[in-house]
Amino acid sequence: MREYEIEGIKTTIPFFRWLLTNEDYLAARVDTTWLDRVLGDRAGEPFWASDEPVADLASFAAAIETCAARTRPQAAPSAPTPTVSGWAAAARREALR
């Protein structure tokens, strides 16, 4: 469950980590209003602990990449190629194993 560590962007992974360790959820003591009640009780408390040094590093990395992208020479325009997201490419590689 902890194989994902994504910093710098918000994801729903922390929520699902929390959900999959919640005792009521695991014991199936839930109903159609359970999540609304539990989230109301949390009063906006985040599902993760902020790791400030990691967040700072992610911000610096994003700033450096933005500056570097501005100074890179632009490639000559070529024929349009279909765009495949990184997620789709990874899934295709996995399927070919």
N, C-alpha and C. Protein backbone atom coordinates (compact mmCIF):
# COMPACT_ATOMS: atom_id res chain seq x y z
N MET A 1 0.81 -1.19 0.00
CA MET A 1 0.00 0.00 0.00
C MET A 1 0.86 1.27 0.00
N ARG A 2 2.07 1.20 0.46
CA ARG A 2 2.91 2.39 0.53
C ARG A 2 3.90 2.46 -0.64
N GLU A 3 3.62 1.77 -1.74
CA GLU A 3 4.56 1.79 -2.85
C GLU A 3 4.48 3.09 -3.65
N TYR A 4 3.45 3.90 -3.43
CA TYR A 4 3.31 5.16 -4.15
C TYR A 4 3.73 6.31 -3.25
N GLU A 5 4.63 7.12 -3.74
CA GLU A 5 4.98 8.36 -3.04
C GLU A 5 5.04 9.44 -4.08
N ILE A 6 3.97 10.21 -4.15
CA ILE A 6 3.87 11.26 -5.15
C ILE A 6 3.85 12.58 -4.42
N GLU A 7 4.79 13.42 -4.71
CA GLU A 7 4.89 14.72 -4.06
C GLU A 7 4.74 15.81 -5.11
N GLY A 8 4.29 16.95 -4.67
CA GLY A 8 4.21 18.10 -5.56
C GLY A 8 2.86 18.24 -6.25
N ILE A 9 2.12 17.16 -6.37
CA ILE A 9 0.77 17.22 -6.94
C ILE A 9 -0.17 16.53 -5.98
N LYS A 10 -1.41 16.92 -6.01
CA LYS A 10 -2.39 16.31 -5.11
C LYS A 10 -2.99 15.08 -5.79
N THR A 11 -3.11 14.00 -5.03
CA THR A 11 -3.73 12.78 -5.53
C THR A 11 -4.72 12.28 -4.48
N THR A 12 -5.48 11.28 -4.85
CA THR A 12 -6.42 10.66 -3.90
C THR A 12 -5.79 9.48 -3.17
N ILE A 13 -4.53 9.20 -3.42
CA ILE A 13 -3.87 8.05 -2.79
C ILE A 13 -3.90 8.13 -1.27
N PRO A 14 -3.62 9.28 -0.63
CA PRO A 14 -3.69 9.33 0.84
C PRO A 14 -5.08 8.98 1.37
N PHE A 15 -6.13 9.43 0.67
CA PHE A 15 -7.49 9.09 1.10
C PHE A 15 -7.71 7.58 1.07
N PHE A 16 -7.31 6.95 -0.02
CA PHE A 16 -7.54 5.51 -0.12
C PHE A 16 -6.66 4.72 0.85
N ARG A 17 -5.45 5.22 1.15
CA ARG A 17 -4.63 4.58 2.19
C ARG A 17 -5.36 4.63 3.52
N TRP A 18 -5.93 5.80 3.82
CA TRP A 18 -6.68 5.95 5.06
C TRP A 18 -7.89 5.02 5.06
N LEU A 19 -8.64 5.00 3.97
CA LEU A 19 -9.85 4.19 3.89
C LEU A 19 -9.55 2.71 4.08
N LEU A 20 -8.46 2.24 3.47
CA LEU A 20 -8.13 0.82 3.53
C LEU A 20 -7.55 0.40 4.87
N THR A 21 -7.37 1.35 5.78
CA THR A 21 -6.93 0.99 7.13
C THR A 21 -7.98 1.35 8.18
N ASN A 22 -9.12 1.89 7.73
CA ASN A 22 -10.18 2.28 8.66
C ASN A 22 -10.89 1.03 9.18
N GLU A 23 -10.99 0.90 10.51
CA GLU A 23 -11.56 -0.30 11.13
C GLU A 23 -13.02 -0.52 10.73
N ASP A 24 -13.82 0.53 10.72
CA ASP A 24 -15.23 0.37 10.35
C ASP A 24 -15.37 -0.09 8.90
N TYR A 25 -14.56 0.47 8.02
CA TYR A 25 -14.62 0.08 6.62
C TYR A 25 -14.20 -1.38 6.45
N LEU A 26 -13.13 -1.77 7.11
CA LEU A 26 -12.64 -3.15 6.99
C LEU A 26 -13.62 -4.16 7.57
N ALA A 27 -14.38 -3.76 8.59
CA ALA A 27 -15.35 -4.65 9.21
C ALA A 27 -16.72 -4.54 8.55
N ALA A 28 -16.81 -3.77 7.47
CA ALA A 28 -18.06 -3.58 6.72
C ALA A 28 -19.16 -2.96 7.59
N ARG A 29 -18.77 -2.12 8.54
CA ARG A 29 -19.74 -1.39 9.35
C ARG A 29 -19.99 -0.02 8.72
N VAL A 30 -20.45 -0.03 7.49
CA VAL A 30 -20.68 1.20 6.75
C VAL A 30 -22.07 1.17 6.14
N ASP A 31 -22.58 2.33 5.81
CA ASP A 31 -23.83 2.45 5.08
C ASP A 31 -23.68 3.60 4.09
N THR A 32 -24.76 3.97 3.44
CA THR A 32 -24.65 4.98 2.39
C THR A 32 -24.33 6.38 2.92
N THR A 33 -24.46 6.60 4.22
CA THR A 33 -24.14 7.91 4.78
C THR A 33 -22.86 7.89 5.61
N TRP A 34 -22.24 6.73 5.73
CA TRP A 34 -21.06 6.57 6.59
C TRP A 34 -19.94 7.54 6.22
N LEU A 35 -19.58 7.59 4.95
CA LEU A 35 -18.46 8.43 4.54
C LEU A 35 -18.75 9.91 4.81
N ASP A 36 -19.97 10.34 4.55
CA ASP A 36 -20.32 11.74 4.83
C ASP A 36 -20.14 12.05 6.32
N ARG A 37 -20.58 11.13 7.19
CA ARG A 37 -20.45 11.35 8.63
C ARG A 37 -18.98 11.39 9.05
N VAL A 38 -18.20 10.43 8.56
CA VAL A 38 -16.79 10.36 8.96
C VAL A 38 -16.03 11.59 8.47
N LEU A 39 -16.27 11.99 7.23
CA LEU A 39 -15.59 13.18 6.71
C LEU A 39 -16.02 14.42 7.47
N GLY A 40 -17.29 14.50 7.86
CA GLY A 40 -17.76 15.63 8.66
C GLY A 40 -17.06 15.68 10.01
N ASP A 41 -16.87 14.50 10.62
CA ASP A 41 -16.18 14.43 11.90
C ASP A 41 -14.71 14.85 11.78
N ARG A 42 -14.11 14.58 10.63
CA ARG A 42 -12.70 14.94 10.42
C ARG A 42 -12.53 16.45 10.26
N ALA A 43 -13.59 17.15 9.91
CA ALA A 43 -13.57 18.62 9.79
C ALA A 43 -12.41 19.13 8.94
N GLY A 44 -12.18 18.49 7.82
CA GLY A 44 -11.15 18.96 6.90
C GLY A 44 -9.74 18.51 7.22
N GLU A 45 -9.57 17.67 8.24
CA GLU A 45 -8.24 17.18 8.58
C GLU A 45 -7.67 16.40 7.39
N PRO A 46 -6.44 16.69 6.97
CA PRO A 46 -5.88 16.00 5.80
C PRO A 46 -5.62 14.52 6.08
N PHE A 47 -5.52 13.75 5.03
CA PHE A 47 -5.28 12.32 5.14
C PHE A 47 -3.79 11.99 5.12
N TRP A 48 -2.96 12.99 5.06
CA TRP A 48 -1.51 12.79 5.02
C TRP A 48 -0.84 13.84 5.90
N ALA A 49 0.36 13.52 6.32
CA ALA A 49 1.18 14.49 7.05
C ALA A 49 2.10 15.16 6.04
N SER A 50 2.07 16.46 6.00
CA SER A 50 2.89 17.19 5.05
C SER A 50 4.36 17.02 5.40
N ASP A 51 5.16 16.72 4.41
CA ASP A 51 6.60 16.59 4.59
C ASP A 51 7.22 17.82 3.93
N GLU A 52 7.38 18.88 4.69
CA GLU A 52 7.82 20.16 4.15
C GLU A 52 9.11 20.07 3.32
N PRO A 53 10.18 19.36 3.80
CA PRO A 53 11.39 19.30 2.97
C PRO A 53 11.13 18.68 1.59
N VAL A 54 10.30 17.65 1.53
CA VAL A 54 10.01 17.02 0.24
C VAL A 54 9.20 17.98 -0.63
N ALA A 55 8.24 18.66 -0.04
CA ALA A 55 7.44 19.63 -0.79
C ALA A 55 8.33 20.76 -1.32
N ASP A 56 9.28 21.22 -0.50
CA ASP A 56 10.21 22.25 -0.95
C ASP A 56 11.04 21.76 -2.12
N LEU A 57 11.55 20.54 -2.03
CA LEU A 57 12.35 19.98 -3.12
C LEU A 57 11.53 19.87 -4.40
N ALA A 58 10.27 19.46 -4.27
CA ALA A 58 9.41 19.36 -5.46
C ALA A 58 9.21 20.73 -6.09
N SER A 59 9.05 21.75 -5.27
CA SER A 59 8.88 23.11 -5.79
C SER A 59 10.13 23.58 -6.52
N PHE A 60 11.30 23.32 -5.91
CA PHE A 60 12.56 23.71 -6.56
C PHE A 60 12.75 22.95 -7.87
N ALA A 61 12.44 21.67 -7.88
CA ALA A 61 12.59 20.87 -9.11
C ALA A 61 11.69 21.41 -10.20
N ALA A 62 10.46 21.77 -9.86
CA ALA A 62 9.53 22.32 -10.85
C ALA A 62 10.04 23.65 -11.39
N ALA A 63 10.59 24.49 -10.52
CA ALA A 63 11.12 25.79 -10.95
C ALA A 63 12.32 25.60 -11.88
N ILE A 64 13.20 24.68 -11.53
CA ILE A 64 14.38 24.42 -12.37
C ILE A 64 13.96 23.89 -13.73
N GLU A 65 13.01 22.97 -13.75
CA GLU A 65 12.53 22.42 -15.03
C GLU A 65 11.89 23.49 -15.88
N THR A 66 11.13 24.39 -15.28
CA THR A 66 10.50 25.47 -16.03
C THR A 66 11.56 26.37 -16.65
N CYS A 67 12.58 26.73 -15.88
CA CYS A 67 13.67 27.58 -16.42
C CYS A 67 14.43 26.86 -17.52
N ALA A 68 14.72 25.59 -17.31
CA ALA A 68 15.47 24.82 -18.30
C ALA A 68 14.67 24.68 -19.59
N ALA A 69 13.37 24.50 -19.48
CA ALA A 69 12.54 24.33 -20.67
C ALA A 69 12.54 25.60 -21.53
N ARG A 70 12.66 26.74 -20.87
CA ARG A 70 12.68 28.00 -21.62
C ARG A 70 13.97 28.20 -22.39
N THR A 71 15.06 27.59 -21.94
CA THR A 71 16.35 27.80 -22.60
C THR A 71 16.70 26.69 -23.58
N ARG A 72 15.94 25.62 -23.61
CA ARG A 72 16.20 24.53 -24.56
C ARG A 72 15.86 24.97 -25.97
N PRO A 73 16.68 24.56 -26.95
CA PRO A 73 16.33 24.87 -28.33
C PRO A 73 15.06 24.12 -28.72
N GLN A 74 14.24 24.78 -29.46
CA GLN A 74 12.99 24.17 -29.91
C GLN A 74 13.26 23.31 -31.14
N ALA A 75 12.68 22.13 -31.17
CA ALA A 75 12.83 21.24 -32.31
C ALA A 75 12.02 21.78 -33.48
N ALA A 76 12.50 21.48 -34.68
CA ALA A 76 11.78 21.89 -35.88
C ALA A 76 10.43 21.17 -35.92
N PRO A 77 9.39 21.86 -36.37
CA PRO A 77 8.09 21.21 -36.43
C PRO A 77 8.15 20.00 -37.36
N SER A 78 7.49 18.95 -36.98
CA SER A 78 7.44 17.75 -37.80
C SER A 78 5.99 17.32 -37.94
N ALA A 79 5.82 16.24 -38.64
CA ALA A 79 4.46 15.72 -38.83
C ALA A 79 3.88 15.37 -37.47
N PRO A 80 2.60 15.66 -37.27
CA PRO A 80 2.00 15.35 -35.98
C PRO A 80 2.05 13.85 -35.69
N THR A 81 2.38 13.53 -34.46
CA THR A 81 2.40 12.12 -34.05
C THR A 81 1.35 11.95 -32.97
N PRO A 82 0.75 10.78 -32.91
CA PRO A 82 -0.25 10.58 -31.87
C PRO A 82 0.41 10.66 -30.49
N THR A 83 -0.25 11.31 -29.57
CA THR A 83 0.28 11.44 -28.23
C THR A 83 -0.22 10.31 -27.35
N VAL A 84 0.71 9.70 -26.67
CA VAL A 84 0.36 8.63 -25.73
C VAL A 84 0.85 9.07 -24.37
N SER A 85 -0.04 9.06 -23.41
CA SER A 85 0.36 9.48 -22.07
C SER A 85 1.35 8.48 -21.49
N GLY A 86 2.10 8.93 -20.51
CA GLY A 86 3.04 8.04 -19.83
C GLY A 86 2.34 6.86 -19.19
N TRP A 87 1.13 7.12 -18.65
CA TRP A 87 0.35 6.04 -18.01
C TRP A 87 -0.03 4.98 -19.05
N ALA A 88 -0.49 5.42 -20.23
CA ALA A 88 -0.91 4.47 -21.26
C ALA A 88 0.30 3.69 -21.77
N ALA A 89 1.43 4.37 -21.95
CA ALA A 89 2.63 3.68 -22.42
C ALA A 89 3.09 2.63 -21.42
N ALA A 90 3.06 2.96 -20.13
CA ALA A 90 3.46 2.00 -19.10
C ALA A 90 2.51 0.81 -19.08
N ALA A 91 1.23 1.06 -19.23
CA ALA A 91 0.25 -0.04 -19.23
C ALA A 91 0.48 -0.95 -20.43
N ARG A 92 0.80 -0.37 -21.56
CA ARG A 92 1.06 -1.19 -22.76
C ARG A 92 2.32 -2.03 -22.57
N ARG A 93 3.37 -1.42 -21.98
CA ARG A 93 4.58 -2.20 -21.72
C ARG A 93 4.30 -3.37 -20.79
N GLU A 94 3.51 -3.11 -19.75
CA GLU A 94 3.15 -4.17 -18.80
C GLU A 94 2.38 -5.28 -19.49
N ALA A 95 1.50 -4.92 -20.40
CA ALA A 95 0.67 -5.92 -21.10
C ALA A 95 1.52 -6.79 -22.01
N LEU A 96 2.65 -6.26 -22.47
CA LEU A 96 3.51 -7.02 -23.38
C LEU A 96 4.45 -7.98 -22.67
N ARG A 97 4.49 -7.92 -21.36
CA ARG A 97 5.39 -8.82 -20.62
C ARG A 97 4.99 -10.24 -20.78
